[in-house]
Amino acid sequence: MQPIQHAETSVAAQPGRLRSAWRAAHEPVAGVPRWLQRTAYAVPLVVLPSSLWRLPSAFDGGINPYILFLSAASELLAFTAIGLVARWGEVFPRWLPGLRGRRVPTKAAVIPAAIGAVLLTAVFTVLAVIVEVQGTTIRGGDLPDDFPTQAGGLESAWFYACYTPLILWGPLLAVLTVAYHRRRHRVGMAVAA
């Protein structure tokens, strides 16, 4: 009887841990405006449709680990945008040994975020629009007949609905990166004065 009771207790404790982890991951830094928080929360949401669109092909004729990894990695990278407005983006979380409680160096967040914003904007915003207007692949070749935009109808509409939001990923990350840099720079100036 004791093991069952223990199992029920641990299961009951998990929702509290999950809720606590959720709050910690989304706890905004004091002074971050609400619109900027919403911008950060939008980043994983603009990536999610493309990740979901890819999943059926991950299980088409067996499991394709690359597609599963790509979808999971995309969402994890998108989630890091929340760190630009959350407390864990300014102070290392307690679960990081050796770093816990220390301030995150501003450049350690700004440089990768800025590089990411530039690359994502180049790939998903500029390059995707050019490829779509030209009707070619990224390398300039003809699109294959089975490419979703060539299929027409519902398949093309579904493809565009899932991939068009990616156009926003780079620009949203750029806005968050500039705001993070300005906020941290202001705080640094106030501390130095």
C-alpha atoms as a PDB file:
ATOM      1  CA  MET A   1       0.000   0.000   0.000  1.00  0.00           C
ATOM      2  CA  GLN A   2       2.870   2.333   0.778  1.00  0.00           C
ATOM      3  CA  PRO A   3       4.400   2.363  -2.761  1.00  0.00           C
ATOM      4  CA  ILE A   4       1.046   3.255  -4.328  1.00  0.00           C
ATOM      5  CA  GLN A   5       0.575   6.113  -1.914  1.00  0.00           C
ATOM      6  CA  HIS A   6       4.132   7.308  -2.652  1.00  0.00           C
ATOM      7  CA  ALA A   7       3.464   7.156  -6.420  1.00  0.00           C
ATOM      8  CA  GLU A   8       0.290   9.182  -6.006  1.00  0.00           C
ATOM      9  CA  THR A   9       2.152  11.747  -3.941  1.00  0.00           C
ATOM     10  CA  SER A  10       4.904  12.150  -6.532  1.00  0.00           C
ATOM     11  CA  VAL A  11       2.370  12.484  -9.354  1.00  0.00           C
ATOM     12  CA  ALA A  12       0.448  15.059  -7.342  1.00  0.00           C
ATOM     13  CA  ALA A  13       3.664  16.981  -6.698  1.00  0.00           C
ATOM     14  CA  GLN A  14       4.589  17.171 -10.385  1.00  0.00           C
ATOM     15  CA  PRO A  15       1.939  19.730 -11.410  1.00  0.00           C
ATOM     16  CA  GLY A  16       3.298  22.057  -8.734  1.00  0.00           C
ATOM     17  CA  ARG A  17       6.828  21.607 -10.060  1.00  0.00           C
ATOM     18  CA  LEU A  18       5.678  22.170 -13.619  1.00  0.00           C
ATOM     19  CA  ARG A  19       3.790  25.302 -12.604  1.00  0.00           C
ATOM     20  CA  SER A  20       6.834  26.542 -10.690  1.00  0.00           C
ATOM     21  CA  ALA A  21       9.162  25.874 -13.632  1.00  0.00           C
ATOM     22  CA  TRP A  22       6.710  27.612 -15.992  1.00  0.00           C
ATOM     23  CA  ARG A  23       6.604  30.707 -13.767  1.00  0.00           C
ATOM     24  CA  ALA A  24      10.390  30.767 -13.437  1.00  0.00           C
ATOM     25  CA  ALA A  25      10.860  30.510 -17.197  1.00  0.00           C
ATOM     26  CA  HIS A  26       8.398  33.313 -17.876  1.00  0.00           C
ATOM     27  CA  GLU A  27       9.059  35.633 -14.928  1.00  0.00           C
ATOM     28  CA  PRO A  28       9.637  39.010 -16.575  1.00  0.00           C
ATOM     29  CA  VAL A  29      12.345  41.404 -15.507  1.00  0.00           C
ATOM     30  CA  ALA A  30      11.103  44.502 -13.725  1.00  0.00           C
ATOM     31  CA  GLY A  31      10.606  47.348 -16.152  1.00  0.00           C
ATOM     32  CA  VAL A  32      10.006  45.243 -19.274  1.00  0.00           C
ATOM     33  CA  PRO A  33       6.919  46.679 -20.970  1.00  0.00           C
ATOM     34  CA  ARG A  34       3.952  44.400 -21.598  1.00  0.00           C
ATOM     35  CA  TRP A  35       4.219  44.801 -25.399  1.00  0.00           C
ATOM     36  CA  LEU A  36       7.808  43.554 -25.281  1.00  0.00           C
ATOM     37  CA  GLN A  37       6.804  40.537 -23.182  1.00  0.00           C
ATOM     38  CA  ARG A  38       4.119  39.721 -25.757  1.00  0.00           C
ATOM     39  CA  THR A  39       6.672  40.088 -28.539  1.00  0.00           C
ATOM     40  CA  ALA A  40       8.937  37.549 -26.805  1.00  0.00           C
ATOM     41  CA  TYR A  41       6.058  35.119 -26.252  1.00  0.00           C
ATOM     42  CA  ALA A  42       5.091  35.473 -29.918  1.00  0.00           C
ATOM     43  CA  VAL A  43       8.436  34.122 -31.150  1.00  0.00           C
ATOM     44  CA  PRO A  44       7.835  30.447 -30.220  1.00  0.00           C
ATOM     45  CA  LEU A  45       4.288  30.810 -31.543  1.00  0.00           C
ATOM     46  CA  VAL A  46       5.413  31.979 -35.006  1.00  0.00           C
ATOM     47  CA  VAL A  47       7.760  28.978 -35.208  1.00  0.00           C
ATOM     48  CA  LEU A  48       5.242  26.399 -33.965  1.00  0.00           C
ATOM     49  CA  PRO A  49       3.094  26.054 -37.135  1.00  0.00           C
ATOM     50  CA  SER A  50       6.083  25.090 -39.310  1.00  0.00           C
ATOM     51  CA  SER A  51       7.233  22.583 -36.688  1.00  0.00           C
ATOM     52  CA  LEU A  52       3.778  21.030 -36.614  1.00  0.00           C
ATOM     53  CA  TRP A  53       3.599  20.989 -40.430  1.00  0.00           C
ATOM     54  CA  ARG A  54       6.814  18.946 -40.613  1.00  0.00           C
ATOM     55  CA  LEU A  55       5.799  16.335 -38.023  1.00  0.00           C
ATOM     56  CA  PRO A  56       3.620  14.127 -40.270  1.00  0.00           C
ATOM     57  CA  SER A  57       6.536  13.684 -42.663  1.00  0.00           C
ATOM     58  CA  ALA A  58       8.705  12.631 -39.693  1.00  0.00           C
ATOM     59  CA  PHE A  59       6.571   9.493 -39.363  1.00  0.00           C
ATOM     60  CA  ASP A  60       5.927   8.867 -43.059  1.00  0.00           C
ATOM     61  CA  GLY A  61       7.331   5.391 -43.710  1.00  0.00           C
ATOM     62  CA  GLY A  62       9.144   5.149 -40.385  1.00  0.00           C
ATOM     63  CA  ILE A  63      10.646   7.643 -37.985  1.00  0.00           C
ATOM     64  CA  ASN A  64      12.855  10.365 -39.434  1.00  0.00           C
ATOM     65  CA  PRO A  65      15.001  11.630 -36.530  1.00  0.00           C
ATOM     66  CA  TYR A  66      16.261  14.627 -38.527  1.00  0.00           C
ATOM     67  CA  ILE A  67      12.769  16.084 -38.909  1.00  0.00           C
ATOM     68  CA  LEU A  68      11.966  15.450 -35.249  1.00  0.00           C
ATOM     69  CA  PHE A  69      15.254  17.091 -34.220  1.00  0.00           C
ATOM     70  CA  LEU A  70      14.662  20.061 -36.552  1.00  0.00           C
ATOM     71  CA  SER A  71      11.198  20.693 -35.112  1.00  0.00           C
ATOM     72  CA  ALA A  72      12.347  20.358 -31.487  1.00  0.00           C
ATOM     73  CA  ALA A  73      15.488  22.449 -32.046  1.00  0.00           C
ATOM     74  CA  SER A  74      13.482  25.179 -33.796  1.00  0.00           C
ATOM     75  CA  GLU A  75      11.124  25.461 -30.836  1.00  0.00           C
ATOM     76  CA  LEU A  76      13.947  25.430 -28.282  1.00  0.00           C
ATOM     77  CA  LEU A  77      15.804  28.166 -30.156  1.00  0.00           C
ATOM     78  CA  ALA A  78      12.616  30.189 -30.467  1.00  0.00           C
ATOM     79  CA  PHE A  79      12.016  29.805 -26.717  1.00  0.00           C
ATOM     80  CA  THR A  80      15.371  31.444 -25.971  1.00  0.00           C
ATOM     81  CA  ALA A  81      13.837  34.732 -27.157  1.00  0.00           C
ATOM     82  CA  ILE A  82      11.847  34.749 -23.915  1.00  0.00           C
ATOM     83  CA  GLY A  83      15.176  34.995 -22.077  1.00  0.00           C
ATOM     84  CA  LEU A  84      15.550  38.493 -23.521  1.00  0.00           C
ATOM     85  CA  VAL A  85      12.666  39.657 -21.300  1.00  0.00           C
ATOM     86  CA  ALA A  86      12.774  37.062 -18.492  1.00  0.00           C
ATOM     87  CA  ARG A  87      14.847  36.975 -15.340  1.00  0.00           C
ATOM     88  CA  TRP A  88      16.853  33.925 -16.509  1.00  0.00           C
ATOM     89  CA  GLY A  89      18.158  36.058 -19.378  1.00  0.00           C
ATOM     90  CA  GLU A  90      19.842  38.390 -16.911  1.00  0.00           C
ATOM     91  CA  VAL A  91      20.749  36.081 -14.017  1.00  0.00           C
ATOM     92  CA  PHE A  92      21.799  32.473 -14.565  1.00  0.00           C
ATOM     93  CA  PRO A  93      19.211  30.026 -13.153  1.00  0.00           C
ATOM     94  CA  ARG A  94      19.997  28.085  -9.963  1.00  0.00           C
ATOM     95  CA  TRP A  95      20.179  24.750 -11.807  1.00  0.00           C
ATOM     96  CA  LEU A  96      23.345  25.807 -13.670  1.00  0.00           C
ATOM     97  CA  PRO A  97      26.287  24.694 -11.512  1.00  0.00           C
ATOM     98  CA  GLY A  98      29.110  27.200 -11.309  1.00  0.00           C
ATOM     99  CA  LEU A  99      27.014  29.983 -12.844  1.00  0.00           C
ATOM    100  CA  ARG A 100      23.880  30.027 -10.675  1.00  0.00           C
ATOM    101  CA  GLY A 101      22.959  33.453  -9.434  1.00  0.00           C
ATOM    102  CA  ARG A 102      25.606  35.276 -11.471  1.00  0.00           C
ATOM    103  CA  ARG A 103      24.646  37.981 -13.930  1.00  0.00           C
ATOM    104  CA  VAL A 104      24.535  36.969 -17.569  1.00  0.00           C
ATOM    105  CA  PRO A 105      27.102  39.107 -19.439  1.00  0.00           C
ATOM    106  CA  THR A 106      25.193  41.389 -21.791  1.00  0.00           C
ATOM    107  CA  LYS A 107      27.358  40.453 -24.773  1.00  0.00           C
ATOM    108  CA  ALA A 108      26.795  36.727 -24.106  1.00  0.00           C
ATOM    109  CA  ALA A 109      23.119  37.278 -24.865  1.00  0.00           C
ATOM    110  CA  VAL A 110      23.245  40.137 -27.375  1.00  0.00           C
ATOM    111  CA  ILE A 111      25.843  38.749 -29.797  1.00  0.00           C
ATOM    112  CA  PRO A 112      24.179  35.355 -30.439  1.00  0.00           C
ATOM    113  CA  ALA A 113      20.723  36.973 -30.506  1.00  0.00           C
ATOM    114  CA  ALA A 114      21.870  39.611 -33.013  1.00  0.00           C
ATOM    115  CA  ILE A 115      23.543  37.001 -35.233  1.00  0.00           C
ATOM    116  CA  GLY A 116      20.398  34.878 -35.018  1.00  0.00           C
ATOM    117  CA  ALA A 117      18.164  37.835 -35.893  1.00  0.00           C
ATOM    118  CA  VAL A 118      20.269  38.684 -38.954  1.00  0.00           C
ATOM    119  CA  LEU A 119      20.433  35.074 -40.181  1.00  0.00           C
ATOM    120  CA  LEU A 120      16.750  34.373 -39.569  1.00  0.00           C
ATOM    121  CA  THR A 121      15.754  37.598 -41.294  1.00  0.00           C
ATOM    122  CA  ALA A 122      18.001  36.782 -44.247  1.00  0.00           C
ATOM    123  CA  VAL A 123      16.715  33.210 -44.607  1.00  0.00           C
ATOM    124  CA  PHE A 124      13.046  33.418 -43.716  1.00  0.00           C
ATOM    125  CA  THR A 125      12.213  36.992 -44.614  1.00  0.00           C
ATOM    126  CA  VAL A 126      14.408  38.129 -47.478  1.00  0.00           C
ATOM    127  CA  LEU A 127      15.406  34.839 -49.103  1.00  0.00           C
ATOM    128  CA  ALA A 128      11.989  33.219 -48.710  1.00  0.00           C
ATOM    129  CA  VAL A 129      10.282  36.172 -50.375  1.00  0.00           C
ATOM    130  CA  ILE A 130      12.818  36.204 -53.237  1.00  0.00           C
ATOM    131  CA  VAL A 131      12.448  32.444 -53.748  1.00  0.00           C
ATOM    132  CA  GLU A 132       8.657  32.717 -53.709  1.00  0.00           C
ATOM    133  CA  VAL A 133       8.600  35.602 -56.206  1.00  0.00           C
ATOM    134  CA  GLN A 134      11.055  33.838 -58.538  1.00  0.00           C
ATOM    135  CA  GLY A 135       9.407  30.430 -58.096  1.00  0.00           C
ATOM    136  CA  THR A 136      12.768  28.678 -57.712  1.00  0.00           C
ATOM    137  CA  THR A 137      14.709  26.834 -55.038  1.00  0.00           C
ATOM    138  CA  ILE A 138      17.274  28.652 -52.916  1.00  0.00           C
ATOM    139  CA  ARG A 139      19.968  27.529 -55.369  1.00  0.00           C
ATOM    140  CA  GLY A 140      18.010  28.904 -58.343  1.00  0.00           C
ATOM    141  CA  GLY A 141      16.747  25.568 -59.695  1.00  0.00           C
ATOM    142  CA  ASP A 142      13.175  24.775 -60.636  1.00  0.00           C
ATOM    143  CA  LEU A 143      10.865  23.761 -57.821  1.00  0.00           C
ATOM    144  CA  PRO A 144      10.042  20.031 -57.859  1.00  0.00           C
ATOM    145  CA  ASP A 145       6.513  19.084 -58.910  1.00  0.00           C
ATOM    146  CA  ASP A 146       5.754  17.681 -55.458  1.00  0.00           C
ATOM    147  CA  PHE A 147       6.768  20.897 -53.651  1.00  0.00           C
ATOM    148  CA  PRO A 148       3.818  22.045 -51.488  1.00  0.00           C
ATOM    149  CA  THR A 149       3.440  25.402 -53.245  1.00  0.00           C
ATOM    150  CA  GLN A 150       3.192  23.609 -56.597  1.00  0.00           C
ATOM    151  CA  ALA A 151       0.401  21.295 -55.447  1.00  0.00           C
ATOM    152  CA  GLY A 152      -2.228  24.025 -55.285  1.00  0.00           C
ATOM    153  CA  GLY A 153      -5.469  23.928 -53.355  1.00  0.00           C
ATOM    154  CA  LEU A 154      -5.616  22.998 -49.692  1.00  0.00           C
ATOM    155  CA  GLU A 155      -2.050  21.622 -49.547  1.00  0.00           C
ATOM    156  CA  SER A 156      -0.580  24.931 -50.728  1.00  0.00           C
ATOM    157  CA  ALA A 157      -2.848  26.939 -48.424  1.00  0.00           C
ATOM    158  CA  TRP A 158      -1.846  24.782 -45.452  1.00  0.00           C
ATOM    159  CA  PHE A 159       1.858  25.170 -46.356  1.00  0.00           C
ATOM    160  CA  TYR A 160       1.599  28.966 -46.557  1.00  0.00           C
ATOM    161  CA  ALA A 161      -0.420  29.161 -43.328  1.00  0.00           C
ATOM    162  CA  CYS A 162       2.280  27.188 -41.509  1.00  0.00           C
ATOM    163  CA  TYR A 163       5.406  28.739 -43.015  1.00  0.00           C
ATOM    164  CA  THR A 164       4.436  32.396 -43.517  1.00  0.00           C
ATOM    165  CA  PRO A 165       4.693  33.214 -39.778  1.00  0.00           C
ATOM    166  CA  LEU A 166       8.420  32.333 -39.939  1.00  0.00           C
ATOM    167  CA  ILE A 167       8.914  35.615 -41.805  1.00  0.00           C
ATOM    168  CA  LEU A 168       8.434  37.338 -38.433  1.00  0.00           C
ATOM    169  CA  TRP A 169      10.996  35.316 -36.441  1.00  0.00           C
ATOM    170  CA  GLY A 170      14.074  37.373 -37.385  1.00  0.00           C
ATOM    171  CA  PRO A 171      12.497  40.831 -37.085  1.00  0.00           C
ATOM    172  CA  LEU A 172      10.851  39.981 -33.735  1.00  0.00           C
ATOM    173  CA  LEU A 173      14.167  38.679 -32.411  1.00  0.00           C
ATOM    174  CA  ALA A 174      15.879  41.864 -33.624  1.00  0.00           C
ATOM    175  CA  VAL A 175      13.389  44.048 -31.702  1.00  0.00           C
ATOM    176  CA  LEU A 176      13.901  41.953 -28.559  1.00  0.00           C
ATOM    177  CA  THR A 177      17.689  42.051 -28.919  1.00  0.00           C
ATOM    178  CA  VAL A 178      17.828  45.837 -29.272  1.00  0.00           C
ATOM    179  CA  ALA A 179      15.476  46.300 -26.303  1.00  0.00           C
ATOM    180  CA  TYR A 180      17.534  43.860 -24.180  1.00  0.00           C
ATOM    181  CA  HIS A 181      20.773  45.646 -25.043  1.00  0.00           C
ATOM    182  CA  ARG A 182      19.304  49.075 -24.246  1.00  0.00           C
ATOM    183  CA  ARG A 183      17.813  47.901 -20.953  1.00  0.00           C
ATOM    184  CA  ARG A 184      21.021  46.196 -19.801  1.00  0.00           C
ATOM    185  CA  HIS A 185      23.108  49.175 -20.966  1.00  0.00           C
ATOM    186  CA  ARG A 186      20.879  51.594 -18.985  1.00  0.00           C
ATOM    187  CA  VAL A 187      21.134  49.396 -15.903  1.00  0.00           C
ATOM    188  CA  GLY A 188      24.910  49.201 -16.296  1.00  0.00           C
ATOM    189  CA  MET A 189      25.157  52.974 -16.628  1.00  0.00           C
ATOM    190  CA  ALA A 190      22.992  53.478 -13.518  1.00  0.00           C
ATOM    191  CA  VAL A 191      25.130  51.052 -11.503  1.00  0.00           C
ATOM    192  CA  ALA A 192      28.358  52.731 -12.676  1.00  0.00           C
ATOM    193  CA  ALA A 193      27.066  56.210 -11.747  1.00  0.00           C
END
